[in-house]
């Protein structure tokens, strides 16, 4: 790949243009664990997977918004 060629999408490998690329970063305790540059189609797929995996399966027991969280 020459310097004139854009970087590929980290998922599908298609060339990216900066105007359309999206970067997904995973951080834990302010430390970056992973970073991916994705084309619009792969980013849309990533969002769909995220929503599917993060939605509780048991809707009868919703997460309460007013729950007290104690951090030591």
N, C-alpha and C. Protein backbone atom coordinates (compact mmCIF):
# COMPACT_ATOMS: atom_id res chain seq x y z
N UNK A 1 0.85 -1.17 0.00
CA UNK A 1 0.00 0.00 0.00
C UNK A 1 0.89 1.23 0.00
N UNK A 2 0.65 2.15 -0.90
CA UNK A 2 1.46 3.36 -0.97
C UNK A 2 0.92 4.39 0.02
N UNK A 3 1.71 5.48 0.22
CA UNK A 3 1.29 6.52 1.14
C UNK A 3 0.06 7.26 0.65
N UNK A 4 -0.22 7.21 -0.67
CA UNK A 4 -1.39 7.88 -1.23
C UNK A 4 -2.67 7.10 -0.99
N UNK A 5 -2.56 5.80 -0.76
CA UNK A 5 -3.74 4.98 -0.51
C UNK A 5 -4.25 5.20 0.90
N UNK A 6 -5.58 5.28 1.07
CA UNK A 6 -6.12 5.44 2.41
C UNK A 6 -5.97 4.15 3.21
N UNK A 7 -6.00 4.28 4.54
CA UNK A 7 -5.95 3.11 5.40
C UNK A 7 -7.20 2.27 5.19
N UNK A 8 -7.08 0.95 5.37
CA UNK A 8 -8.27 0.10 5.20
C UNK A 8 -9.14 0.09 6.45
N UNK A 9 -10.40 -0.25 6.27
CA UNK A 9 -11.32 -0.47 7.38
C UNK A 9 -10.79 -1.66 8.18
N UNK A 10 -10.78 -1.55 9.51
CA UNK A 10 -10.27 -2.63 10.35
C UNK A 10 -11.17 -3.86 10.34
N UNK A 11 -12.40 -3.73 9.83
CA UNK A 11 -13.30 -4.88 9.79
C UNK A 11 -13.33 -5.54 8.41
N UNK A 12 -13.71 -4.77 7.39
CA UNK A 12 -13.87 -5.37 6.05
C UNK A 12 -12.64 -5.20 5.15
N UNK A 13 -11.76 -4.25 5.48
CA UNK A 13 -10.54 -4.04 4.68
C UNK A 13 -10.69 -3.08 3.53
N UNK A 14 -11.90 -2.53 3.30
CA UNK A 14 -12.08 -1.55 2.23
C UNK A 14 -11.34 -0.27 2.57
N UNK A 15 -10.86 0.46 1.55
CA UNK A 15 -10.18 1.74 1.81
C UNK A 15 -11.12 2.74 2.49
N UNK A 16 -10.59 3.51 3.42
CA UNK A 16 -11.38 4.52 4.14
C UNK A 16 -11.04 5.91 3.64
N UNK A 17 -12.04 6.77 3.64
CA UNK A 17 -11.79 8.19 3.45
C UNK A 17 -12.02 8.84 4.82
N UNK A 18 -11.18 9.79 5.19
CA UNK A 18 -11.27 10.40 6.51
C UNK A 18 -12.65 10.99 6.78
N UNK A 19 -13.30 11.53 5.77
CA UNK A 19 -14.60 12.16 5.98
C UNK A 19 -15.68 11.16 6.39
N UNK A 20 -15.53 9.89 6.00
CA UNK A 20 -16.56 8.90 6.29
C UNK A 20 -16.15 7.90 7.37
N UNK A 21 -14.90 7.84 7.73
CA UNK A 21 -14.42 6.86 8.69
C UNK A 21 -14.89 7.22 10.10
N UNK A 22 -15.13 6.20 10.91
CA UNK A 22 -15.47 6.37 12.31
C UNK A 22 -14.49 5.56 13.13
N UNK A 23 -14.08 6.09 14.27
CA UNK A 23 -13.16 5.38 15.14
C UNK A 23 -13.91 4.95 16.40
N UNK A 24 -13.82 3.67 16.72
CA UNK A 24 -14.43 3.11 17.92
C UNK A 24 -13.29 2.81 18.87
N UNK A 25 -13.35 3.39 20.08
CA UNK A 25 -12.31 3.17 21.07
C UNK A 25 -12.91 2.52 22.30
N UNK A 26 -12.25 1.50 22.81
CA UNK A 26 -12.65 0.83 24.04
C UNK A 26 -11.64 1.20 25.12
N UNK A 27 -12.12 1.84 26.18
CA UNK A 27 -11.24 2.22 27.27
C UNK A 27 -11.79 1.67 28.58
N UNK A 28 -10.88 1.27 29.45
CA UNK A 28 -11.23 0.79 30.78
C UNK A 28 -10.32 1.53 31.76
N UNK A 29 -10.95 2.20 32.72
CA UNK A 29 -10.18 2.98 33.71
C UNK A 29 -9.18 3.91 33.04
N UNK A 30 -9.63 4.59 32.01
CA UNK A 30 -8.85 5.58 31.25
C UNK A 30 -7.69 4.97 30.45
N UNK A 31 -7.60 3.66 30.38
CA UNK A 31 -6.57 3.01 29.57
C UNK A 31 -7.23 2.47 28.30
N UNK A 32 -6.66 2.84 27.15
CA UNK A 32 -7.24 2.37 25.89
C UNK A 32 -6.91 0.90 25.69
N UNK A 33 -7.95 0.10 25.48
CA UNK A 33 -7.80 -1.35 25.28
C UNK A 33 -7.78 -1.68 23.79
N UNK A 34 -8.62 -0.99 23.02
CA UNK A 34 -8.74 -1.30 21.59
C UNK A 34 -9.20 -0.05 20.85
N UNK A 35 -8.82 0.05 19.60
CA UNK A 35 -9.26 1.14 18.74
C UNK A 35 -9.41 0.59 17.33
N UNK A 36 -10.54 0.89 16.69
CA UNK A 36 -10.80 0.40 15.34
C UNK A 36 -11.30 1.55 14.48
N UNK A 37 -10.77 1.65 13.25
CA UNK A 37 -11.30 2.61 12.27
C UNK A 37 -12.20 1.82 11.33
N UNK A 38 -13.44 2.28 11.21
CA UNK A 38 -14.44 1.53 10.47
C UNK A 38 -15.08 2.39 9.38
N UNK A 39 -15.45 1.72 8.29
CA UNK A 39 -16.23 2.37 7.24
C UNK A 39 -17.67 2.52 7.74
N UNK A 40 -18.48 3.34 7.08
CA UNK A 40 -19.85 3.56 7.56
C UNK A 40 -20.67 2.28 7.71
N UNK A 41 -20.56 1.34 6.78
CA UNK A 41 -21.34 0.09 6.86
C UNK A 41 -20.89 -0.75 8.04
N UNK A 42 -19.60 -0.88 8.26
CA UNK A 42 -19.10 -1.67 9.38
C UNK A 42 -19.41 -0.98 10.71
N UNK A 43 -19.40 0.36 10.73
CA UNK A 43 -19.77 1.09 11.93
C UNK A 43 -21.23 0.83 12.27
N UNK A 44 -22.11 0.84 11.28
CA UNK A 44 -23.53 0.56 11.50
C UNK A 44 -23.71 -0.86 12.04
N UNK A 45 -22.96 -1.82 11.49
CA UNK A 45 -23.01 -3.19 12.00
C UNK A 45 -22.52 -3.26 13.44
N UNK A 46 -21.46 -2.50 13.76
CA UNK A 46 -20.92 -2.48 15.11
C UNK A 46 -21.96 -1.95 16.09
N UNK A 47 -22.65 -0.87 15.71
CA UNK A 47 -23.71 -0.29 16.55
C UNK A 47 -24.81 -1.31 16.79
N UNK A 48 -25.24 -2.01 15.74
CA UNK A 48 -26.28 -3.03 15.88
C UNK A 48 -25.85 -4.13 16.84
N UNK A 49 -24.60 -4.61 16.70
CA UNK A 49 -24.09 -5.66 17.61
C UNK A 49 -24.03 -5.15 19.05
N UNK A 50 -23.58 -3.91 19.22
CA UNK A 50 -23.48 -3.32 20.56
C UNK A 50 -24.86 -3.25 21.22
N UNK A 51 -25.86 -2.75 20.48
CA UNK A 51 -27.21 -2.65 21.04
C UNK A 51 -27.77 -4.03 21.37
N UNK A 52 -27.53 -5.02 20.51
CA UNK A 52 -28.03 -6.37 20.75
C UNK A 52 -27.37 -6.98 21.99
N UNK A 53 -26.07 -6.83 22.11
CA UNK A 53 -25.35 -7.44 23.23
C UNK A 53 -25.56 -6.71 24.55
N UNK A 54 -25.85 -5.43 24.51
CA UNK A 54 -26.00 -4.65 25.74
C UNK A 54 -27.44 -4.55 26.22
N UNK A 55 -28.41 -5.00 25.42
CA UNK A 55 -29.80 -4.97 25.83
C UNK A 55 -30.07 -6.17 26.73
N UNK A 56 -30.64 -5.94 27.93
CA UNK A 56 -30.94 -7.06 28.82
C UNK A 56 -31.92 -8.03 28.16
N UNK A 57 -31.67 -9.33 28.36
CA UNK A 57 -32.55 -10.34 27.78
C UNK A 57 -33.86 -10.43 28.56
N UNK A 58 -33.80 -10.20 29.88
CA UNK A 58 -34.98 -10.30 30.73
C UNK A 58 -35.57 -8.91 30.92
N UNK A 59 -36.53 -8.55 30.09
CA UNK A 59 -37.14 -7.22 30.15
C UNK A 59 -38.09 -7.09 31.35
N UNK A 60 -38.44 -8.20 32.03
CA UNK A 60 -39.36 -8.13 33.16
C UNK A 60 -38.69 -7.55 34.39
N UNK A 61 -37.36 -7.48 34.41
CA UNK A 61 -36.62 -6.93 35.54
C UNK A 61 -35.74 -5.79 35.05
N UNK A 62 -36.33 -4.63 34.74
CA UNK A 62 -35.54 -3.52 34.18
C UNK A 62 -34.56 -2.96 35.20
N UNK A 63 -33.52 -2.35 34.70
CA UNK A 63 -32.53 -1.70 35.55
C UNK A 63 -33.15 -0.43 36.10
N UNK A 64 -33.06 -0.26 37.42
CA UNK A 64 -33.63 0.92 38.04
C UNK A 64 -32.65 2.08 37.93
N UNK A 65 -33.17 3.23 37.52
CA UNK A 65 -32.34 4.41 37.34
C UNK A 65 -31.90 5.01 38.67
N UNK A 66 -32.68 4.85 39.73
CA UNK A 66 -32.40 5.49 41.01
C UNK A 66 -31.64 4.60 41.99
N UNK A 67 -31.02 3.54 41.52
CA UNK A 67 -30.27 2.64 42.39
C UNK A 67 -29.01 3.33 42.89
N UNK A 68 -28.76 3.22 44.19
CA UNK A 68 -27.54 3.80 44.76
C UNK A 68 -26.35 2.92 44.41
N UNK A 69 -25.29 3.55 43.96
CA UNK A 69 -24.06 2.84 43.62
C UNK A 69 -23.00 3.31 44.58
N UNK A 70 -22.35 2.35 45.24
CA UNK A 70 -21.31 2.66 46.21
C UNK A 70 -19.97 2.24 45.60
N UNK A 71 -19.05 3.18 45.55
CA UNK A 71 -17.73 2.91 45.00
C UNK A 71 -16.71 3.10 46.12
N UNK A 72 -15.94 2.07 46.36
CA UNK A 72 -14.91 2.16 47.41
C UNK A 72 -13.65 2.79 46.86
